[in-house]
Structure formats: C-alpha cells, structure tokens
C-alpha cells in the first residue's frame, strides 16, 4: 500500500504493459476499477484506441476495490478481482499467479 503509483505511470502501464499481457479489455477494466471502484463494459467493443481512452458504460461496484487507487496494492486488488471473475476455472488458475509479475513494473522492477 505504501508504493504509490502516479496516474501517468498507471496509464502507461495499463495502455501498454497490461494490454499486451491480459488484453485491452482487462486493461481498461483494471484502469476503471482503480479510478472509480466500478467495473465497466464497452459502449463499442470495436472502438479503436488505448484501453484508458475507451468509451465505457459504468457497471457494478467491485467488492474490495481500494480507492483512491494510486498504489500498487489497489492495482493488485483490481487484477485479483478480474482473475477471479474469469468464467473458465482454468483461466482463473492461470491468471492469478501472473499478478505479481504484472505489477513488477509499478514496483520499479523490470518489465
């Protein structure tokens, strides 16, 4: 919780690093969960652009979301919730162990 994340670094991380690993949809959802505590759906699933710039419809509140989300703990909580929400149990099992590696760049580790 003590490792702060600037909005600019979070945007860069979500739009590039996370989008390449978990996809644009998960990156956009992570961004919005850390900003608002709510999940989102896409107004236009085929809209071009960066995950943090997509036009979205606000959805349900995410249980356990940490706000404000300007720390690595808040980001990891959002990723954990997204991994848990995968419909396929095998995907859940594959996504959860990736979380520490995904937040490494935010901790100052190598990408």
N, C-alpha and C. Protein backbone atom coordinates (compact mmCIF):
# COMPACT_ATOMS: atom_id res chain seq x y z
N UNK A 1 0.82 -1.20 0.00
CA UNK A 1 0.00 0.00 0.00
C UNK A 1 0.86 1.25 0.00
N UNK A 2 2.09 1.12 0.44
CA UNK A 2 2.94 2.29 0.56
C UNK A 2 3.59 2.69 -0.75
N UNK A 3 3.63 1.78 -1.71
CA UNK A 3 4.24 2.09 -3.00
C UNK A 3 3.23 2.82 -3.87
N UNK A 4 3.41 4.12 -3.96
CA UNK A 4 2.48 4.97 -4.72
C UNK A 4 2.70 4.81 -6.22
N UNK A 5 1.63 5.06 -6.97
CA UNK A 5 1.66 4.99 -8.42
C UNK A 5 1.03 6.27 -8.94
N UNK A 6 1.74 6.98 -9.80
CA UNK A 6 1.17 8.19 -10.38
C UNK A 6 0.14 7.82 -11.45
N UNK A 7 -0.75 8.75 -11.72
CA UNK A 7 -1.74 8.50 -12.76
C UNK A 7 -1.06 8.28 -14.10
N UNK A 8 -0.03 9.06 -14.40
CA UNK A 8 0.68 8.92 -15.68
C UNK A 8 1.33 7.54 -15.81
N UNK A 9 1.95 7.06 -14.74
CA UNK A 9 2.59 5.74 -14.82
C UNK A 9 1.55 4.63 -14.92
N UNK A 10 0.41 4.81 -14.28
CA UNK A 10 -0.66 3.82 -14.35
C UNK A 10 -1.26 3.77 -15.76
N UNK A 11 -1.43 4.93 -16.38
CA UNK A 11 -1.94 4.99 -17.76
C UNK A 11 -0.97 4.28 -18.69
N UNK A 12 0.30 4.60 -18.59
CA UNK A 12 1.31 3.99 -19.46
C UNK A 12 1.35 2.47 -19.26
N UNK A 13 1.32 2.04 -18.01
CA UNK A 13 1.34 0.62 -17.69
C UNK A 13 0.11 -0.09 -18.24
N UNK A 14 -1.08 0.46 -18.02
CA UNK A 14 -2.32 -0.18 -18.48
C UNK A 14 -2.39 -0.20 -20.01
N UNK A 15 -2.08 0.91 -20.65
CA UNK A 15 -2.20 1.02 -22.10
C UNK A 15 -1.18 0.18 -22.85
N UNK A 16 -0.07 -0.09 -22.24
CA UNK A 16 1.00 -0.82 -22.92
C UNK A 16 1.25 -2.19 -22.30
N UNK A 17 1.83 -2.20 -21.12
CA UNK A 17 2.27 -3.44 -20.49
C UNK A 17 1.11 -4.40 -20.22
N UNK A 18 0.08 -3.93 -19.52
CA UNK A 18 -1.04 -4.82 -19.18
C UNK A 18 -1.83 -5.21 -20.42
N UNK A 19 -2.07 -4.27 -21.32
CA UNK A 19 -2.84 -4.57 -22.53
C UNK A 19 -2.17 -5.67 -23.36
N UNK A 20 -0.85 -5.70 -23.39
CA UNK A 20 -0.13 -6.73 -24.16
C UNK A 20 -0.24 -8.10 -23.50
N UNK A 21 -0.37 -8.13 -22.18
CA UNK A 21 -0.37 -9.39 -21.45
C UNK A 21 -1.77 -9.94 -21.19
N UNK A 22 -2.68 -9.11 -20.79
CA UNK A 22 -4.04 -9.57 -20.47
C UNK A 22 -5.08 -9.06 -21.45
N UNK A 23 -4.69 -8.23 -22.38
CA UNK A 23 -5.62 -7.74 -23.39
C UNK A 23 -6.18 -6.36 -23.06
N UNK A 24 -6.71 -5.73 -24.09
CA UNK A 24 -7.24 -4.36 -23.98
C UNK A 24 -8.41 -4.30 -23.01
N UNK A 25 -9.29 -5.27 -23.08
CA UNK A 25 -10.48 -5.27 -22.22
C UNK A 25 -10.10 -5.32 -20.74
N UNK A 26 -9.22 -6.23 -20.38
CA UNK A 26 -8.79 -6.35 -18.98
C UNK A 26 -8.04 -5.09 -18.54
N UNK A 27 -7.25 -4.51 -19.43
CA UNK A 27 -6.51 -3.30 -19.09
C UNK A 27 -7.47 -2.14 -18.83
N UNK A 28 -8.49 -2.00 -19.67
CA UNK A 28 -9.48 -0.94 -19.48
C UNK A 28 -10.26 -1.16 -18.19
N UNK A 29 -10.65 -2.39 -17.94
CA UNK A 29 -11.40 -2.68 -16.72
C UNK A 29 -10.55 -2.40 -15.48
N UNK A 30 -9.28 -2.78 -15.52
CA UNK A 30 -8.38 -2.51 -14.39
C UNK A 30 -8.27 -1.01 -14.15
N UNK A 31 -8.08 -0.25 -15.22
CA UNK A 31 -7.98 1.20 -15.12
C UNK A 31 -9.21 1.78 -14.41
N UNK A 32 -10.38 1.39 -14.85
CA UNK A 32 -11.60 1.96 -14.28
C UNK A 32 -11.86 1.48 -12.85
N UNK A 33 -11.50 0.25 -12.55
CA UNK A 33 -11.66 -0.23 -11.17
C UNK A 33 -10.78 0.58 -10.23
N UNK A 34 -9.56 0.87 -10.66
CA UNK A 34 -8.66 1.65 -9.79
C UNK A 34 -9.06 3.11 -9.71
N UNK A 35 -9.78 3.61 -10.68
CA UNK A 35 -10.21 5.01 -10.67
C UNK A 35 -11.54 5.21 -9.95
N UNK A 36 -12.49 4.29 -10.15
CA UNK A 36 -13.85 4.51 -9.66
C UNK A 36 -14.35 3.43 -8.71
N UNK A 37 -13.68 2.29 -8.68
CA UNK A 37 -14.17 1.18 -7.87
C UNK A 37 -15.29 0.41 -8.56
N UNK A 38 -15.50 0.70 -9.85
CA UNK A 38 -16.57 0.05 -10.60
C UNK A 38 -16.01 -0.66 -11.83
N UNK A 39 -16.66 -1.78 -12.16
CA UNK A 39 -16.32 -2.48 -13.39
C UNK A 39 -16.99 -1.73 -14.54
N UNK A 40 -16.58 -2.04 -15.75
CA UNK A 40 -17.13 -1.38 -16.94
C UNK A 40 -17.40 -2.40 -18.04
N UNK A 41 -18.26 -1.99 -18.97
CA UNK A 41 -18.43 -2.69 -20.24
C UNK A 41 -18.17 -1.65 -21.33
N UNK A 42 -17.93 -2.13 -22.52
CA UNK A 42 -17.59 -1.23 -23.61
C UNK A 42 -18.82 -0.78 -24.38
N UNK A 43 -18.92 0.51 -24.63
CA UNK A 43 -20.01 1.05 -25.44
C UNK A 43 -19.92 0.48 -26.86
N UNK A 44 -18.71 0.46 -27.40
CA UNK A 44 -18.46 -0.08 -28.73
C UNK A 44 -17.25 -1.01 -28.62
N UNK A 45 -17.48 -2.33 -28.62
CA UNK A 45 -16.37 -3.27 -28.45
C UNK A 45 -15.28 -3.16 -29.52
N UNK A 46 -15.60 -2.52 -30.65
CA UNK A 46 -14.64 -2.42 -31.75
C UNK A 46 -14.00 -1.04 -31.84
N UNK A 47 -14.27 -0.19 -30.88
CA UNK A 47 -13.69 1.15 -30.85
C UNK A 47 -12.16 1.05 -30.79
N UNK A 48 -11.51 1.84 -31.62
CA UNK A 48 -10.05 1.88 -31.64
C UNK A 48 -9.57 2.77 -30.49
N UNK A 49 -8.33 2.57 -30.09
CA UNK A 49 -7.74 3.44 -29.09
C UNK A 49 -7.19 2.70 -27.89
N UNK A 50 -6.52 3.45 -27.06
CA UNK A 50 -5.89 2.90 -25.87
C UNK A 50 -6.94 2.47 -24.84
N UNK A 51 -6.62 1.46 -24.05
CA UNK A 51 -7.57 0.97 -23.05
C UNK A 51 -8.11 2.06 -22.12
N UNK A 52 -7.25 2.99 -21.72
CA UNK A 52 -7.70 4.03 -20.78
C UNK A 52 -8.54 5.10 -21.45
N UNK A 53 -8.64 5.06 -22.77
CA UNK A 53 -9.42 6.06 -23.52
C UNK A 53 -10.72 5.51 -24.09
N UNK A 54 -10.97 4.22 -23.91
CA UNK A 54 -12.17 3.60 -24.46
C UNK A 54 -13.43 4.20 -23.85
N UNK A 55 -14.49 4.26 -24.65
CA UNK A 55 -15.79 4.72 -24.18
C UNK A 55 -16.45 3.53 -23.47
N UNK A 56 -16.81 3.73 -22.22
CA UNK A 56 -17.34 2.63 -21.42
C UNK A 56 -18.66 2.99 -20.76
N UNK A 57 -19.34 1.96 -20.32
CA UNK A 57 -20.54 2.10 -19.51
C UNK A 57 -20.18 1.60 -18.12
N UNK A 58 -20.44 2.43 -17.12
CA UNK A 58 -20.09 2.05 -15.75
C UNK A 58 -21.00 0.91 -15.30
N UNK A 59 -20.39 -0.04 -14.61
CA UNK A 59 -21.12 -1.21 -14.14
C UNK A 59 -21.18 -1.25 -12.62
N UNK A 60 -21.21 -2.45 -12.11
CA UNK A 60 -21.33 -2.67 -10.68
C UNK A 60 -20.07 -2.28 -9.92
N UNK A 61 -20.25 -1.94 -8.66
CA UNK A 61 -19.11 -1.70 -7.79
C UNK A 61 -18.35 -3.01 -7.61
N UNK A 62 -17.04 -2.92 -7.52
CA UNK A 62 -16.19 -4.08 -7.35
C UNK A 62 -15.92 -4.25 -5.86
N UNK A 63 -16.38 -5.37 -5.29
CA UNK A 63 -16.14 -5.60 -3.86
C UNK A 63 -14.65 -5.60 -3.55
N UNK A 64 -14.27 -4.88 -2.53
CA UNK A 64 -12.87 -4.85 -2.11
C UNK A 64 -11.99 -3.89 -2.87
N UNK A 65 -12.55 -3.16 -3.84
CA UNK A 65 -11.73 -2.20 -4.58
C UNK A 65 -11.20 -1.15 -3.61
N UNK A 66 -9.93 -0.81 -3.78
CA UNK A 66 -9.27 0.15 -2.90
C UNK A 66 -9.23 1.50 -3.61
N UNK A 67 -9.83 2.50 -2.97
CA UNK A 67 -9.84 3.85 -3.54
C UNK A 67 -9.26 4.83 -2.54
N UNK A 68 -8.52 5.82 -2.94
CA UNK A 68 -8.09 6.01 -4.32
C UNK A 68 -7.07 4.94 -4.71
N UNK A 69 -7.05 4.61 -5.97
CA UNK A 69 -6.22 3.51 -6.45
C UNK A 69 -4.83 3.90 -6.88
N UNK A 70 -4.21 4.80 -6.16
CA UNK A 70 -2.88 5.27 -6.55
C UNK A 70 -1.77 4.57 -5.78
N UNK A 71 -1.93 3.25 -5.59
CA UNK A 71 -0.85 2.47 -5.01
C UNK A 71 -0.89 1.07 -5.62
N UNK A 72 0.21 0.35 -5.50
CA UNK A 72 0.34 -0.96 -6.13
C UNK A 72 -0.64 -1.96 -5.53
N UNK A 73 -0.94 -1.81 -4.25
CA UNK A 73 -1.90 -2.71 -3.61
C UNK A 73 -3.27 -2.59 -4.27
N UNK A 74 -3.73 -1.38 -4.54
CA UNK A 74 -5.03 -1.17 -5.19
C UNK A 74 -5.05 -1.80 -6.58
N UNK A 75 -3.97 -1.66 -7.30
CA UNK A 75 -3.88 -2.24 -8.64
C UNK A 75 -3.92 -3.77 -8.55
N UNK A 76 -3.17 -4.33 -7.61
CA UNK A 76 -3.14 -5.78 -7.48
C UNK A 76 -4.51 -6.33 -7.04
N UNK A 77 -5.24 -5.57 -6.23
CA UNK A 77 -6.61 -5.98 -5.84
C UNK A 77 -7.52 -6.00 -7.06
N UNK A 78 -7.41 -5.00 -7.93
CA UNK A 78 -8.23 -4.97 -9.15
C UNK A 78 -7.88 -6.15 -10.05
N UNK A 79 -6.60 -6.44 -10.21
CA UNK A 79 -6.18 -7.57 -11.04
C UNK A 79 -6.67 -8.89 -10.44
N UNK A 80 -6.60 -9.01 -9.14
CA UNK A 80 -7.05 -10.22 -8.46
C UNK A 80 -8.55 -10.44 -8.68
N UNK A 81 -9.31 -9.36 -8.59
CA UNK A 81 -10.75 -9.47 -8.80
C UNK A 81 -11.04 -9.89 -10.24
N UNK A 82 -10.33 -9.29 -11.20
CA UNK A 82 -10.53 -9.66 -12.61
C UNK A 82 -10.17 -11.13 -12.85
N UNK A 83 -9.10 -11.60 -12.25
CA UNK A 83 -8.70 -13.00 -12.41
C UNK A 83 -9.78 -13.93 -11.84
N UNK A 84 -10.34 -13.56 -10.71
CA UNK A 84 -11.39 -14.36 -10.07
C UNK A 84 -12.66 -14.38 -10.92
N UNK A 85 -12.90 -13.34 -11.68
CA UNK A 85 -14.12 -13.22 -12.47
C UNK A 85 -14.05 -13.96 -13.81
N UNK A 86 -12.92 -14.54 -14.15
CA UNK A 86 -12.84 -15.31 -15.39
C UNK A 86 -13.85 -16.44 -15.33
N UNK A 87 -14.59 -16.64 -16.40
CA UNK A 87 -15.65 -17.66 -16.40
C UNK A 87 -15.08 -19.08 -16.42
N UNK A 88 -13.93 -19.24 -17.01
CA UNK A 88 -13.28 -20.54 -17.10
C UNK A 88 -12.35 -20.72 -15.90
N UNK A 89 -12.55 -21.79 -15.14
CA UNK A 89 -11.75 -22.04 -13.95
C UNK A 89 -10.27 -22.17 -14.29
N UNK A 90 -9.97 -22.79 -15.43
CA UNK A 90 -8.58 -22.92 -15.85
C UNK A 90 -7.94 -21.54 -16.05
N UNK A 91 -8.69 -20.61 -16.65
CA UNK A 91 -8.16 -19.25 -16.82
C UNK A 91 -7.94 -18.59 -15.46
N UNK A 92 -8.84 -18.79 -14.53
CA UNK A 92 -8.66 -18.24 -13.18
C UNK A 92 -7.34 -18.73 -12.60
N UNK A 93 -7.10 -20.02 -12.72
CA UNK A 93 -5.87 -20.61 -12.19
C UNK A 93 -4.63 -20.12 -12.91
N UNK A 94 -4.76 -19.78 -14.19
CA UNK A 94 -3.62 -19.26 -14.96
C UNK A 94 -3.36 -17.79 -14.68
N UNK A 95 -4.42 -17.01 -14.49
CA UNK A 95 -4.27 -15.56 -14.32
C UNK A 95 -3.76 -15.18 -12.93
N UNK A 96 -4.25 -15.83 -11.90
CA UNK A 96 -3.90 -15.40 -10.53
C UNK A 96 -2.39 -15.37 -10.26
N UNK A 97 -1.63 -16.39 -10.65
CA UNK A 97 -0.19 -16.35 -10.37
C UNK A 97 0.57 -15.28 -11.17
N UNK A 98 -0.06 -14.70 -12.19
CA UNK A 98 0.60 -13.69 -13.01
C UNK A 98 0.60 -12.30 -12.37
N UNK A 99 -0.21 -12.13 -11.34
CA UNK A 99 -0.43 -10.78 -10.78
C UNK A 99 0.86 -10.14 -10.28
N UNK A 100 1.66 -10.85 -9.52
CA UNK A 100 2.91 -10.27 -9.01
C UNK A 100 3.81 -9.81 -10.15
N UNK A 101 3.92 -10.61 -11.18
CA UNK A 101 4.73 -10.22 -12.34
C UNK A 101 4.16 -9.00 -13.07
N UNK A 102 2.84 -8.91 -13.11
CA UNK A 102 2.21 -7.78 -13.78
C UNK A 102 2.46 -6.45 -13.07
N UNK A 103 2.52 -6.48 -11.75
CA UNK A 103 2.73 -5.22 -11.01
C UNK A 103 4.21 -4.88 -10.82
N UNK A 104 5.11 -5.79 -11.21
CA UNK A 104 6.55 -5.53 -11.07
C UNK A 104 6.99 -4.20 -11.67
N UNK A 105 6.55 -3.84 -12.87
CA UNK A 105 6.95 -2.55 -13.42
C UNK A 105 6.51 -1.37 -12.56
N UNK A 106 5.38 -1.51 -11.88
CA UNK A 106 4.90 -0.44 -10.99
C UNK A 106 5.71 -0.37 -9.70
N UNK A 107 6.35 -1.48 -9.36
CA UNK A 107 7.20 -1.53 -8.18
C UNK A 107 8.62 -1.07 -8.48
N UNK A 108 8.87 -0.78 -9.75
CA UNK A 108 10.22 -0.38 -10.15
C UNK A 108 11.04 -1.54 -10.66
N UNK A 109 10.38 -2.70 -10.81
CA UNK A 109 11.07 -3.87 -11.35
C UNK A 109 11.09 -3.84 -12.85
N UNK A 110 11.79 -4.80 -13.42
CA UNK A 110 11.87 -4.84 -14.88
C UNK A 110 10.59 -5.39 -15.47
N UNK A 111 10.27 -4.90 -16.65
CA UNK A 111 9.05 -5.33 -17.34
C UNK A 111 9.32 -6.55 -18.17
